[in-house]
PDB file of N, CA and C in Angstrom:
ATOM      1  N   UNK A   1    -115.672-149.843  -7.899  1.00  0.00           N
ATOM      2  CA  UNK A   1    -114.549-150.340  -7.457  1.00  0.00           C
ATOM      3  C   UNK A   1    -113.386-149.425  -7.921  1.00  0.00           C
ATOM      4  N   UNK A   2    -112.674-148.640  -6.914  1.00  0.00           N
ATOM      5  CA  UNK A   2    -111.427-147.836  -7.360  1.00  0.00           C
ATOM      6  C   UNK A   2    -110.383-148.485  -8.120  1.00  0.00           C
ATOM      7  N   UNK A   3    -109.523-147.927  -8.944  1.00  0.00           N
ATOM      8  CA  UNK A   3    -108.396-148.320  -9.635  1.00  0.00           C
ATOM      9  C   UNK A   3    -107.459-148.848  -8.622  1.00  0.00           C
ATOM     10  N   UNK A   4    -107.192-148.477  -7.308  1.00  0.00           N
ATOM     11  CA  UNK A   4    -106.200-149.118  -6.438  1.00  0.00           C
ATOM     12  C   UNK A   4    -106.762-150.529  -6.185  1.00  0.00           C
ATOM     13  N   UNK A   5    -108.030-150.618  -6.145  1.00  0.00           N
ATOM     14  CA  UNK A   5    -108.595-152.191  -5.429  1.00  0.00           C
ATOM     15  C   UNK A   5    -108.515-152.937  -6.658  1.00  0.00           C
ATOM     16  N   UNK A   6    -108.491-152.719  -8.020  1.00  0.00           N
ATOM     17  CA  UNK A   6    -108.313-153.618  -9.183  1.00  0.00           C
ATOM     18  C   UNK A   6    -106.820-154.162  -9.290  1.00  0.00           C
ATOM     19  N   UNK A   7    -105.944-153.527  -8.770  1.00  0.00           N
ATOM     20  CA  UNK A   7    -104.610-154.136  -9.069  1.00  0.00           C
ATOM     21  C   UNK A   7    -104.266-154.600  -7.855  1.00  0.00           C
ATOM     22  N   UNK A   8    -104.041-156.074  -7.760  1.00  0.00           N
ATOM     23  CA  UNK A   8    -103.795-156.991  -6.700  1.00  0.00           C
ATOM     24  C   UNK A   8    -102.482-157.853  -7.315  1.00  0.00           C
ATOM     25  N   UNK A   9    -101.643-158.207  -6.248  1.00  0.00           N
ATOM     26  CA  UNK A   9    -100.504-158.921  -6.442  1.00  0.00           C
ATOM     27  C   UNK A   9    -100.817-160.431  -6.371  1.00  0.00           C
ATOM     28  N   UNK A  10    -100.124-161.291  -7.022  1.00  0.00           N
ATOM     29  CA  UNK A  10    -100.268-162.635  -6.985  1.00  0.00           C
ATOM     30  C   UNK A  10    -100.554-163.189  -5.356  1.00  0.00           C
ATOM     31  N   UNK A  11     -99.382-162.692  -4.840  1.00  0.00           N
ATOM     32  CA  UNK A  11     -99.610-163.280  -3.423  1.00  0.00           C
ATOM     33  C   UNK A  11    -101.077-162.594  -2.647  1.00  0.00           C
ATOM     34  N   UNK A  12    -101.626-161.664  -2.773  1.00  0.00           N
ATOM     35  CA  UNK A  12    -103.161-161.162  -2.273  1.00  0.00           C
ATOM     36  C   UNK A  12    -103.896-162.285  -2.888  1.00  0.00           C
ATOM     37  N   UNK A  13    -104.092-163.071  -4.286  1.00  0.00           N
ATOM     38  CA  UNK A  13    -105.008-163.578  -4.800  1.00  0.00           C
ATOM     39  C   UNK A  13    -104.748-164.986  -4.333  1.00  0.00           C
ATOM     40  N   UNK A  14    -103.622-165.647  -4.227  1.00  0.00           N
ATOM     41  CA  UNK A  14    -103.433-167.045  -3.651  1.00  0.00           C
ATOM     42  C   UNK A  14    -102.373-167.045  -2.692  1.00  0.00           C
ATOM     43  N   UNK A  15    -102.466-167.990  -1.908  1.00  0.00           N
ATOM     44  CA  UNK A  15    -101.475-168.141  -0.927  1.00  0.00           C
ATOM     45  C   UNK A  15    -100.708-169.764  -0.595  1.00  0.00           C
ATOM     46  N   UNK A  16     -99.779-169.940  -0.117  1.00  0.00           N
ATOM     47  CA  UNK A  16     -99.046-171.019   0.391  1.00  0.00           C
ATOM     48  C   UNK A  16     -99.009-172.105  -0.757  1.00  0.00           C
ATOM     49  N   UNK A  17     -99.512-173.255  -0.641  1.00  0.00           N
ATOM     50  CA  UNK A  17     -99.526-174.413  -1.385  1.00  0.00           C
ATOM     51  C   UNK A  17    -100.010-173.982  -2.870  1.00  0.00           C
ATOM     52  N   UNK A  18    -101.034-173.352  -2.945  1.00  0.00           N
ATOM     53  CA  UNK A  18    -101.546-172.684  -4.305  1.00  0.00           C
ATOM     54  C   UNK A  18    -100.575-171.857  -5.143  1.00  0.00           C
ATOM     55  N   UNK A  19     -99.811-170.958  -4.308  1.00  0.00           N
ATOM     56  CA  UNK A  19     -98.913-170.307  -5.159  1.00  0.00           C
ATOM     57  C   UNK A  19     -97.842-170.903  -5.527  1.00  0.00           C
ATOM     58  N   UNK A  20     -97.344-171.994  -4.687  1.00  0.00           N
ATOM     59  CA  UNK A  20     -96.038-172.977  -4.980  1.00  0.00           C
ATOM     60  C   UNK A  20     -96.488-173.691  -6.257  1.00  0.00           C
ATOM     61  N   UNK A  21     -97.808-174.438  -6.380  1.00  0.00           N
ATOM     62  CA  UNK A  21     -98.290-175.288  -7.459  1.00  0.00           C
ATOM     63  C   UNK A  21     -98.251-174.256  -8.623  1.00  0.00           C
ATOM     64  N   UNK A  22     -98.631-172.921  -8.523  1.00  0.00           N
ATOM     65  CA  UNK A  22     -98.956-171.872  -9.802  1.00  0.00           C
ATOM     66  C   UNK A  22     -97.401-171.775 -10.027  1.00  0.00           C
ATOM     67  N   UNK A  23     -96.450-171.621  -9.283  1.00  0.00           N
ATOM     68  CA  UNK A  23     -95.036-171.251  -9.805  1.00  0.00           C
ATOM     69  C   UNK A  23     -94.429-172.850 -10.546  1.00  0.00           C
ATOM     70  N   UNK A  24     -94.499-173.776  -9.968  1.00  0.00           N
ATOM     71  CA  UNK A  24     -94.342-175.138 -10.865  1.00  0.00           C
ATOM     72  C   UNK A  24     -94.754-175.193 -12.219  1.00  0.00           C
ATOM     73  N   UNK A  25     -96.066-174.796 -12.157  1.00  0.00           N
ATOM     74  CA  UNK A  25     -96.938-174.888 -13.554  1.00  0.00           C
ATOM     75  C   UNK A  25     -96.434-173.882 -14.466  1.00  0.00           C
ATOM     76  N   UNK A  26     -95.957-172.669 -14.119  1.00  0.00           N
ATOM     77  CA  UNK A  26     -95.902-171.801 -14.865  1.00  0.00           C
ATOM     78  C   UNK A  26     -94.549-172.075 -15.536  1.00  0.00           C
ATOM     79  N   UNK A  27     -93.384-172.733 -14.499  1.00  0.00           N
ATOM     80  CA  UNK A  27     -92.111-172.991 -14.805  1.00  0.00           C
ATOM     81  C   UNK A  27     -92.171-174.340 -15.948  1.00  0.00           C
ATOM     82  N   UNK A  28     -93.234-174.991 -15.889  1.00  0.00           N
ATOM     83  CA  UNK A  28     -93.215-176.168 -16.781  1.00  0.00           C
ATOM     84  C   UNK A  28     -93.825-175.610 -18.040  1.00  0.00           C
ATOM     85  N   UNK A  29     -94.514-174.456 -18.203  1.00  0.00           N
ATOM     86  CA  UNK A  29     -95.117-173.981 -19.288  1.00  0.00           C
ATOM     87  C   UNK A  29     -94.255-172.746 -19.753  1.00  0.00           C
ATOM     88  N   UNK A  30     -93.090-172.390 -19.277  1.00  0.00           N
ATOM     89  CA  UNK A  30     -92.309-171.282 -19.188  1.00  0.00           C
ATOM     90  C   UNK A  30     -92.932-170.166 -19.628  1.00  0.00           C
ATOM     91  N   UNK A  31     -93.817-169.775 -18.604  1.00  0.00           N
ATOM     92  CA  UNK A  31     -94.472-168.594 -18.709  1.00  0.00           C
ATOM     93  C   UNK A  31     -94.464-167.911 -17.359  1.00  0.00           C
ATOM     94  N   UNK A  32     -94.684-166.665 -17.102  1.00  0.00           N
ATOM     95  CA  UNK A  32     -94.882-165.876 -15.824  1.00  0.00           C
ATOM     96  C   UNK A  32     -96.156-166.443 -14.919  1.00  0.00           C
ATOM     97  N   UNK A  33     -96.064-166.372 -13.767  1.00  0.00           N
ATOM     98  CA  UNK A  33     -97.102-166.761 -12.890  1.00  0.00           C
ATOM     99  C   UNK A  33     -98.472-165.908 -13.430  1.00  0.00           C
ATOM    100  N   UNK A  34     -98.065-164.699 -13.458  1.00  0.00           N
ATOM    101  CA  UNK A  34     -99.161-163.696 -14.042  1.00  0.00           C
ATOM    102  C   UNK A  34     -99.806-163.946 -15.190  1.00  0.00           C
ATOM    103  N   UNK A  35     -98.941-164.301 -16.123  1.00  0.00           N
ATOM    104  CA  UNK A  35     -99.628-165.030 -17.620  1.00  0.00           C
ATOM    105  C   UNK A  35    -100.410-166.129 -17.397  1.00  0.00           C
ATOM    106  N   UNK A  36    -100.124-167.042 -16.495  1.00  0.00           N
ATOM    107  CA  UNK A  36    -100.786-168.392 -16.252  1.00  0.00           C
ATOM    108  C   UNK A  36    -102.005-167.961 -15.386  1.00  0.00           C
ATOM    109  N   UNK A  37    -101.937-166.986 -14.604  1.00  0.00           N
ATOM    110  CA  UNK A  37    -103.592-166.746 -13.803  1.00  0.00           C
ATOM    111  C   UNK A  37    -104.085-166.106 -15.028  1.00  0.00           C
ATOM    112  N   UNK A  38    -103.532-165.085 -15.867  1.00  0.00           N
ATOM    113  CA  UNK A  38    -104.237-164.500 -16.862  1.00  0.00           C
ATOM    114  C   UNK A  38    -105.120-165.516 -17.839  1.00  0.00           C
ATOM    115  N   UNK A  39    -104.462-166.320 -18.502  1.00  0.00           N
ATOM    116  CA  UNK A  39    -104.946-167.146 -19.282  1.00  0.00           C
ATOM    117  C   UNK A  39    -106.105-168.357 -18.744  1.00  0.00           C
ATOM    118  N   UNK A  40    -105.815-168.555 -17.170  1.00  0.00           N
ATOM    119  CA  UNK A  40    -106.971-169.462 -16.483  1.00  0.00           C
ATOM    120  C   UNK A  40    -108.207-168.632 -16.383  1.00  0.00           C
ATOM    121  N   UNK A  41    -107.830-167.113 -16.152  1.00  0.00           N
ATOM    122  CA  UNK A  41    -109.338-166.244 -15.948  1.00  0.00           C
ATOM    123  C   UNK A  41    -109.831-166.261 -17.385  1.00  0.00           C
ATOM    124  N   UNK A  42    -109.189-165.994 -18.481  1.00  0.00           N
ATOM    125  CA  UNK A  42    -109.651-165.913 -19.561  1.00  0.00           C
ATOM    126  C   UNK A  42    -110.207-167.125 -20.235  1.00  0.00           C
ATOM    127  N   UNK A  43    -109.876-168.505 -19.823  1.00  0.00           N
ATOM    128  CA  UNK A  43    -110.497-169.612 -20.071  1.00  0.00           C
ATOM    129  C   UNK A  43    -111.821-169.758 -19.347  1.00  0.00           C
ATOM    130  N   UNK A  44    -111.953-169.376 -18.126  1.00  0.00           N
ATOM    131  CA  UNK A  44    -113.197-169.608 -17.298  1.00  0.00           C
ATOM    132  C   UNK A  44    -114.156-168.315 -17.844  1.00  0.00           C
ATOM    133  N   UNK A  45    -113.831-167.196 -18.363  1.00  0.00           N
ATOM    134  CA  UNK A  45    -114.539-166.388 -18.957  1.00  0.00           C
ATOM    135  C   UNK A  45    -115.091-166.997 -20.286  1.00  0.00           C
ATOM    136  N   UNK A  46    -114.349-167.583 -20.897  1.00  0.00           N
ATOM    137  CA  UNK A  46    -114.702-168.325 -22.178  1.00  0.00           C
ATOM    138  C   UNK A  46    -115.886-169.302 -22.400  1.00  0.00           C
ATOM    139  N   UNK A  47    -115.643-169.988 -21.176  1.00  0.00           N
ATOM    140  CA  UNK A  47    -116.451-171.375 -20.974  1.00  0.00           C
ATOM    141  C   UNK A  47    -117.652-170.802 -20.386  1.00  0.00           C
ATOM    142  N   UNK A  48    -117.680-169.843 -19.639  1.00  0.00           N
ATOM    143  CA  UNK A  48    -119.070-169.140 -19.085  1.00  0.00           C
ATOM    144  C   UNK A  48    -120.004-168.494 -19.972  1.00  0.00           C
ATOM    145  N   UNK A  49    -119.052-168.017 -20.913  1.00  0.00           N
ATOM    146  CA  UNK A  49    -119.928-167.036 -21.767  1.00  0.00           C
ATOM    147  C   UNK A  49    -120.165-167.325 -23.441  1.00  0.00           C
ATOM    148  N   UNK A  50    -119.988-168.881 -23.482  1.00  0.00           N
ATOM    149  CA  UNK A  50    -119.926-169.621 -24.815  1.00  0.00           C
ATOM    150  C   UNK A  50    -121.468-169.935 -24.840  1.00  0.00           C
ATOM    151  N   UNK A  51    -122.191-169.784 -25.862  1.00  0.00           N
ATOM    152  CA  UNK A  51    -123.417-169.920 -26.174  1.00  0.00           C
ATOM    153  C   UNK A  51    -123.815-171.460 -25.814  1.00  0.00           C
ATOM    154  N   UNK A  52    -124.815-171.848 -25.440  1.00  0.00           N
ATOM    155  CA  UNK A  52    -125.070-173.023 -25.137  1.00  0.00           C
ATOM    156  C   UNK A  52    -126.204-173.628 -26.138  1.00  0.00           C
ATOM    157  N   UNK A  53    -125.889-174.838 -26.445  1.00  0.00           N
ATOM    158  CA  UNK A  53    -127.182-175.540 -27.602  1.00  0.00           C
ATOM    159  C   UNK A  53    -128.348-175.674 -26.780  1.00  0.00           C
ATOM    160  N   UNK A  54    -129.241-175.532 -27.699  1.00  0.00           N
ATOM    161  CA  UNK A  54    -130.629-175.648 -27.253  1.00  0.00           C
ATOM    162  C   UNK A  54    -131.002-176.985 -26.795  1.00  0.00           C
ATOM    163  N   UNK A  55    -131.826-177.217 -25.956  1.00  0.00           N
ATOM    164  CA  UNK A  55    -132.230-178.630 -25.501  1.00  0.00           C
ATOM    165  C   UNK A  55    -133.475-178.891 -26.466  1.00  0.00           C
ATOM    166  N   UNK A  56    -133.783-180.049 -26.536  1.00  0.00           N
ATOM    167  CA  UNK A  56    -134.800-180.641 -27.255  1.00  0.00           C
ATOM    168  C   UNK A  56    -134.763-180.871 -28.689  1.00  0.00           C
ATOM    169  N   UNK A  57    -135.935-181.444 -29.401  1.00  0.00           N
ATOM    170  CA  UNK A  57    -135.939-181.458 -30.830  1.00  0.00           C
ATOM    171  C   UNK A  57    -136.349-180.115 -31.315  1.00  0.00           C
ATOM    172  N   UNK A  58    -135.699-179.824 -32.605  1.00  0.00           N
ATOM    173  CA  UNK A  58    -135.930-178.827 -33.228  1.00  0.00           C
ATOM    174  C   UNK A  58    -136.922-179.104 -34.187  1.00  0.00           C
ATOM    175  N   UNK A  59    -138.225-178.232 -34.274  1.00  0.00           N
ATOM    176  CA  UNK A  59    -139.602-178.359 -34.916  1.00  0.00           C
ATOM    177  C   UNK A  59    -139.693-177.187 -35.921  1.00  0.00           C
ATOM    178  N   UNK A  60    -140.087-177.560 -36.997  1.00  0.00           N
ATOM    179  CA  UNK A  60    -140.301-176.400 -38.188  1.00  0.00           C
ATOM    180  C   UNK A  60    -141.419-175.594 -37.786  1.00  0.00           C
ATOM    181  N   UNK A  61    -141.471-174.339 -37.956  1.00  0.00           N
ATOM    182  CA  UNK A  61    -142.550-173.408 -37.596  1.00  0.00           C
ATOM    183  C   UNK A  61    -143.650-173.604 -38.418  1.00  0.00           C
ATOM    184  N   UNK A  62    -144.833-173.879 -37.802  1.00  0.00           N
ATOM    185  CA  UNK A  62    -146.307-173.844 -38.618  1.00  0.00           C
ATOM    186  C   UNK A  62    -147.366-172.840 -38.469  1.00  0.00           C
ATOM    187  N   UNK A  63    -147.620-172.319 -39.593  1.00  0.00           N
ATOM    188  CA  UNK A  63    -148.665-171.265 -39.532  1.00  0.00           C
ATOM    189  C   UNK A  63    -150.089-172.005 -39.273  1.00  0.00           C
ATOM    190  N   UNK A  64    -151.131-171.256 -38.706  1.00  0.00           N
ATOM    191  CA  UNK A  64    -152.518-171.452 -38.618  1.00  0.00           C
ATOM    192  C   UNK A  64    -153.160-171.429 -39.427  1.00  0.00           C
TER     193      UNK A  64
END
């Protein structure tokens, strides 16, 4: 992906009602729309990459 394709405007990412919702939410939190989007993306990345606990009971290793 070239550098030009990586840079997108907010209008290219969302439109209509979604953009208006983001503007209202950003105004409530007193941040810019870009900062709000950045925080949202970081939150998604953090939840997807967080280690998951193992399922099942933990058992001691036994030698034969």
